[in-house]
Amino acid sequence: MRSLIFPLSLVCAASPAFAVDWEDLAKDGFGVLEMTSVQGEFNGCDFGRRIPLDNGLIFVCSEYNYNYSYAPDVFILKNVRDGRLKVVIDDDEYDGTVYRR
């Protein structure tokens, strides 16, 4: 059985046209909780798509957003003020949920 490690409540929708502004995220109170990468090809998000990460977690998308890259970096961010989480893959924010395998 897979266990949910934390639900994501992302405030901003991802947009492949705009890269994440790390300075703004830091000013908003977000810091890197964990850094990993996608196992193999990343074809963006589609509702329900399961994306295995190298650290043993699985990211399940809850939006559609196309982006292609091979083994891109993944940053799981946490807000130090209110505990909100964000997932950044290949410099784009994505909505979804992270599970342990």
N, C-alpha and C. Protein backbone atom coordinates (compact mmCIF):
# COMPACT_ATOMS: atom_id res chain seq x y z
N MET A 1 0.84 -1.18 0.00
CA MET A 1 0.00 0.00 0.00
C MET A 1 0.88 1.24 0.00
N ARG A 2 0.53 2.21 -0.81
CA ARG A 2 1.30 3.45 -0.88
C ARG A 2 0.78 4.42 0.15
N SER A 3 1.66 5.13 0.77
CA SER A 3 1.22 6.11 1.77
C SER A 3 1.46 7.52 1.27
N LEU A 4 0.51 8.35 1.52
CA LEU A 4 0.60 9.76 1.16
C LEU A 4 1.58 10.40 2.11
N ILE A 5 2.59 11.11 1.56
CA ILE A 5 3.50 11.78 2.48
C ILE A 5 3.08 13.21 2.73
N PHE A 6 2.49 13.84 1.73
CA PHE A 6 1.93 15.16 1.96
C PHE A 6 1.12 15.58 0.75
N PRO A 7 -0.07 16.14 0.97
CA PRO A 7 -0.83 16.67 -0.15
C PRO A 7 -0.24 18.01 -0.54
N LEU A 8 -0.33 18.34 -1.79
CA LEU A 8 0.18 19.61 -2.26
C LEU A 8 -0.96 20.60 -2.44
N SER A 9 -0.80 21.75 -1.89
CA SER A 9 -1.77 22.80 -2.11
C SER A 9 -1.03 23.96 -2.76
N LEU A 10 -0.88 23.86 -4.06
CA LEU A 10 -0.10 24.86 -4.79
C LEU A 10 -0.97 26.07 -5.10
N VAL A 11 -0.38 27.21 -4.93
CA VAL A 11 -1.10 28.46 -5.15
C VAL A 11 -1.05 28.86 -6.61
N CYS A 12 0.08 28.66 -7.26
CA CYS A 12 0.27 29.12 -8.63
C CYS A 12 0.17 27.95 -9.60
N ALA A 13 -0.47 28.15 -10.70
CA ALA A 13 -0.51 27.14 -11.75
C ALA A 13 0.79 27.22 -12.54
N ALA A 14 1.22 26.08 -13.06
CA ALA A 14 2.46 26.06 -13.83
C ALA A 14 2.22 26.64 -15.21
N SER A 15 3.27 27.20 -15.75
CA SER A 15 3.23 27.70 -17.10
C SER A 15 4.59 27.50 -17.73
N PRO A 16 4.68 26.64 -18.76
CA PRO A 16 5.99 26.37 -19.33
C PRO A 16 6.64 27.60 -19.95
N ALA A 17 5.87 28.64 -20.20
CA ALA A 17 6.43 29.84 -20.80
C ALA A 17 7.22 30.66 -19.78
N PHE A 18 7.00 30.43 -18.50
CA PHE A 18 7.65 31.23 -17.46
C PHE A 18 8.37 30.32 -16.48
N ALA A 19 9.67 30.52 -16.34
CA ALA A 19 10.45 29.73 -15.39
C ALA A 19 10.16 30.22 -13.97
N VAL A 20 10.35 29.34 -13.02
CA VAL A 20 10.14 29.66 -11.62
C VAL A 20 11.10 30.77 -11.21
N ASP A 21 10.61 31.72 -10.45
CA ASP A 21 11.45 32.78 -9.91
C ASP A 21 11.84 32.38 -8.49
N TRP A 22 13.04 31.82 -8.34
CA TRP A 22 13.49 31.30 -7.06
C TRP A 22 13.56 32.39 -5.99
N GLU A 23 13.92 33.60 -6.39
CA GLU A 23 13.99 34.70 -5.42
C GLU A 23 12.61 35.01 -4.85
N ASP A 24 11.59 35.02 -5.71
CA ASP A 24 10.22 35.27 -5.24
C ASP A 24 9.75 34.15 -4.31
N LEU A 25 10.07 32.91 -4.65
CA LEU A 25 9.69 31.79 -3.79
C LEU A 25 10.33 31.93 -2.40
N ALA A 26 11.60 32.31 -2.37
CA ALA A 26 12.30 32.49 -1.09
C ALA A 26 11.66 33.63 -0.29
N LYS A 27 11.33 34.72 -0.96
CA LYS A 27 10.68 35.85 -0.29
C LYS A 27 9.32 35.45 0.27
N ASP A 28 8.64 34.51 -0.41
CA ASP A 28 7.34 34.02 0.04
C ASP A 28 7.47 32.97 1.14
N GLY A 29 8.70 32.62 1.52
CA GLY A 29 8.91 31.70 2.63
C GLY A 29 9.16 30.26 2.24
N PHE A 30 9.38 29.99 0.95
CA PHE A 30 9.63 28.61 0.51
C PHE A 30 11.11 28.27 0.53
N GLY A 31 11.42 27.08 1.02
CA GLY A 31 12.77 26.55 0.99
C GLY A 31 12.73 25.13 0.48
N VAL A 32 13.87 24.65 0.04
CA VAL A 32 13.94 23.30 -0.52
C VAL A 32 13.86 22.27 0.60
N LEU A 33 12.85 21.44 0.53
CA LEU A 33 12.66 20.34 1.48
C LEU A 33 13.43 19.12 1.00
N GLU A 34 13.38 18.90 -0.31
CA GLU A 34 14.05 17.74 -0.89
C GLU A 34 14.35 18.02 -2.35
N MET A 35 15.51 17.52 -2.80
CA MET A 35 15.89 17.64 -4.21
C MET A 35 16.11 16.24 -4.75
N THR A 36 15.57 15.98 -5.94
CA THR A 36 15.70 14.67 -6.58
C THR A 36 15.62 14.90 -8.08
N SER A 37 15.29 13.87 -8.83
CA SER A 37 15.08 14.02 -10.27
C SER A 37 14.07 12.98 -10.73
N VAL A 38 13.52 13.21 -11.92
CA VAL A 38 12.58 12.27 -12.53
C VAL A 38 13.38 11.08 -13.04
N GLN A 39 12.83 9.89 -12.89
CA GLN A 39 13.47 8.70 -13.45
C GLN A 39 13.17 8.64 -14.94
N GLY A 40 14.15 8.93 -15.77
CA GLY A 40 13.98 8.83 -17.23
C GLY A 40 13.30 10.04 -17.83
N GLU A 41 12.48 9.79 -18.85
CA GLU A 41 11.84 10.86 -19.60
C GLU A 41 10.73 11.53 -18.81
N PHE A 42 10.63 12.84 -18.96
CA PHE A 42 9.54 13.62 -18.38
C PHE A 42 8.77 14.25 -19.52
N ASN A 43 7.50 13.90 -19.63
CA ASN A 43 6.64 14.42 -20.70
C ASN A 43 5.59 15.36 -20.16
N GLY A 44 5.92 16.09 -19.11
CA GLY A 44 4.97 17.01 -18.53
C GLY A 44 3.93 16.28 -17.70
N CYS A 45 2.89 17.01 -17.34
CA CYS A 45 1.84 16.46 -16.50
C CYS A 45 0.57 16.23 -17.30
N ASP A 46 -0.15 15.21 -16.91
CA ASP A 46 -1.49 14.95 -17.39
C ASP A 46 -2.24 14.42 -16.17
N PHE A 47 -3.51 14.73 -16.05
CA PHE A 47 -4.29 14.36 -14.87
C PHE A 47 -4.10 12.88 -14.53
N GLY A 48 -3.62 12.59 -13.34
CA GLY A 48 -3.43 11.23 -12.89
C GLY A 48 -2.12 10.58 -13.29
N ARG A 49 -1.31 11.26 -14.09
CA ARG A 49 -0.03 10.68 -14.50
C ARG A 49 0.86 10.51 -13.28
N ARG A 50 1.48 9.33 -13.18
CA ARG A 50 2.37 9.01 -12.06
C ARG A 50 3.81 9.19 -12.56
N ILE A 51 4.56 10.01 -11.84
CA ILE A 51 5.94 10.29 -12.23
C ILE A 51 6.87 9.78 -11.14
N PRO A 52 7.60 8.68 -11.40
CA PRO A 52 8.53 8.15 -10.40
C PRO A 52 9.75 9.05 -10.26
N LEU A 53 10.13 9.30 -9.02
CA LEU A 53 11.29 10.13 -8.73
C LEU A 53 12.43 9.27 -8.21
N ASP A 54 13.66 9.71 -8.41
CA ASP A 54 14.83 8.94 -8.03
C ASP A 54 14.94 8.68 -6.53
N ASN A 55 14.31 9.51 -5.71
CA ASN A 55 14.40 9.34 -4.26
C ASN A 55 13.36 8.37 -3.71
N GLY A 56 12.62 7.70 -4.59
CA GLY A 56 11.63 6.72 -4.16
C GLY A 56 10.22 7.27 -4.03
N LEU A 57 10.03 8.56 -4.20
CA LEU A 57 8.69 9.15 -4.15
C LEU A 57 8.06 9.08 -5.53
N ILE A 58 6.74 9.23 -5.55
CA ILE A 58 6.00 9.29 -6.81
C ILE A 58 5.18 10.58 -6.79
N PHE A 59 5.28 11.35 -7.85
CA PHE A 59 4.49 12.57 -8.00
C PHE A 59 3.34 12.25 -8.94
N VAL A 60 2.10 12.51 -8.49
CA VAL A 60 0.91 12.26 -9.30
C VAL A 60 0.33 13.62 -9.68
N CYS A 61 0.24 13.86 -10.98
CA CYS A 61 -0.20 15.16 -11.50
C CYS A 61 -1.70 15.38 -11.31
N SER A 62 -2.06 16.62 -11.07
CA SER A 62 -3.48 16.99 -11.02
C SER A 62 -3.75 18.16 -11.95
N GLU A 63 -2.99 18.23 -13.04
CA GLU A 63 -3.16 19.27 -14.06
C GLU A 63 -2.58 18.76 -15.37
N TYR A 64 -2.85 19.49 -16.43
CA TYR A 64 -2.22 19.19 -17.72
C TYR A 64 -1.25 20.31 -18.04
N ASN A 65 -0.02 19.92 -18.39
CA ASN A 65 0.99 20.90 -18.78
C ASN A 65 2.10 20.13 -19.47
N TYR A 66 2.35 20.41 -20.75
CA TYR A 66 3.35 19.66 -21.49
C TYR A 66 4.72 20.30 -21.37
N ASN A 67 5.71 19.44 -21.16
CA ASN A 67 7.11 19.85 -21.12
C ASN A 67 7.91 18.57 -21.30
N TYR A 68 8.92 18.59 -22.14
CA TYR A 68 9.73 17.39 -22.31
C TYR A 68 11.16 17.66 -21.85
N SER A 69 11.70 16.71 -21.10
CA SER A 69 13.12 16.71 -20.77
C SER A 69 13.47 15.32 -20.26
N TYR A 70 14.75 15.03 -20.22
CA TYR A 70 15.21 13.72 -19.74
C TYR A 70 15.82 13.88 -18.36
N ALA A 71 15.29 13.16 -17.38
CA ALA A 71 15.76 13.14 -15.99
C ALA A 71 15.94 14.55 -15.41
N PRO A 72 14.90 15.40 -15.52
CA PRO A 72 15.05 16.76 -15.00
C PRO A 72 15.11 16.79 -13.46
N ASP A 73 15.69 17.85 -12.95
CA ASP A 73 15.73 18.07 -11.51
C ASP A 73 14.32 18.32 -10.98
N VAL A 74 14.08 17.85 -9.76
CA VAL A 74 12.80 18.05 -9.08
C VAL A 74 13.11 18.64 -7.71
N PHE A 75 12.44 19.74 -7.38
CA PHE A 75 12.58 20.36 -6.07
C PHE A 75 11.23 20.31 -5.37
N ILE A 76 11.21 19.75 -4.18
CA ILE A 76 10.01 19.77 -3.35
C ILE A 76 10.26 20.87 -2.33
N LEU A 77 9.42 21.89 -2.36
CA LEU A 77 9.59 23.07 -1.52
C LEU A 77 8.54 23.11 -0.43
N LYS A 78 8.91 23.67 0.71
CA LYS A 78 7.96 23.82 1.81
C LYS A 78 8.03 25.25 2.32
N ASN A 79 6.84 25.81 2.61
CA ASN A 79 6.77 27.15 3.15
C ASN A 79 7.00 27.08 4.66
N VAL A 80 7.98 27.84 5.15
CA VAL A 80 8.32 27.79 6.57
C VAL A 80 7.27 28.48 7.43
N ARG A 81 6.42 29.29 6.83
CA ARG A 81 5.41 30.01 7.60
C ARG A 81 4.12 29.21 7.79
N ASP A 82 3.66 28.55 6.72
CA ASP A 82 2.36 27.89 6.81
C ASP A 82 2.36 26.42 6.38
N GLY A 83 3.52 25.89 6.00
CA GLY A 83 3.62 24.47 5.67
C GLY A 83 3.19 24.09 4.27
N ARG A 84 2.74 25.06 3.44
CA ARG A 84 2.35 24.73 2.07
C ARG A 84 3.53 24.14 1.32
N LEU A 85 3.23 23.29 0.34
CA LEU A 85 4.26 22.65 -0.46
C LEU A 85 4.11 23.04 -1.92
N LYS A 86 5.23 23.00 -2.63
CA LYS A 86 5.25 23.20 -4.08
C LYS A 86 6.20 22.18 -4.67
N VAL A 87 5.92 21.76 -5.90
CA VAL A 87 6.83 20.88 -6.63
C VAL A 87 7.26 21.62 -7.89
N VAL A 88 8.57 21.69 -8.09
CA VAL A 88 9.14 22.34 -9.26
C VAL A 88 9.91 21.29 -10.03
N ILE A 89 9.52 21.09 -11.29
CA ILE A 89 10.19 20.13 -12.16
C ILE A 89 10.70 20.89 -13.37
N ASP A 90 11.98 20.81 -13.60
CA ASP A 90 12.60 21.46 -14.76
C ASP A 90 12.22 22.94 -14.83
N ASP A 91 12.25 23.61 -13.68
CA ASP A 91 11.98 25.05 -13.55
C ASP A 91 10.53 25.46 -13.77
N ASP A 92 9.58 24.53 -13.68
CA ASP A 92 8.16 24.85 -13.76
C ASP A 92 7.44 24.26 -12.56
N GLU A 93 6.47 25.00 -12.01
CA GLU A 93 5.66 24.50 -10.89
C GLU A 93 4.55 23.60 -11.43
N TYR A 94 4.26 22.53 -10.68
CA TYR A 94 3.20 21.60 -11.06
C TYR A 94 2.30 21.30 -9.88
N ASP A 95 1.01 21.16 -10.17
CA ASP A 95 0.03 20.77 -9.15
C ASP A 95 -0.05 19.25 -9.10
N GLY A 96 -0.15 18.72 -7.87
CA GLY A 96 -0.27 17.28 -7.73
C GLY A 96 -0.07 16.85 -6.30
N THR A 97 0.19 15.56 -6.14
CA THR A 97 0.37 14.96 -4.82
C THR A 97 1.62 14.10 -4.85
N VAL A 98 2.33 14.07 -3.74
CA VAL A 98 3.54 13.25 -3.63
C VAL A 98 3.26 12.07 -2.70
N TYR A 99 3.64 10.87 -3.15
CA TYR A 99 3.43 9.64 -2.37
C TYR A 99 4.75 8.91 -2.19
N ARG A 100 4.82 8.13 -1.12
CA ARG A 100 5.93 7.17 -0.98
C ARG A 100 5.54 5.93 -1.75
N ARG A 101 6.51 5.24 -2.31
CA ARG A 101 6.23 3.99 -3.03
C ARG A 101 5.84 2.91 -2.08
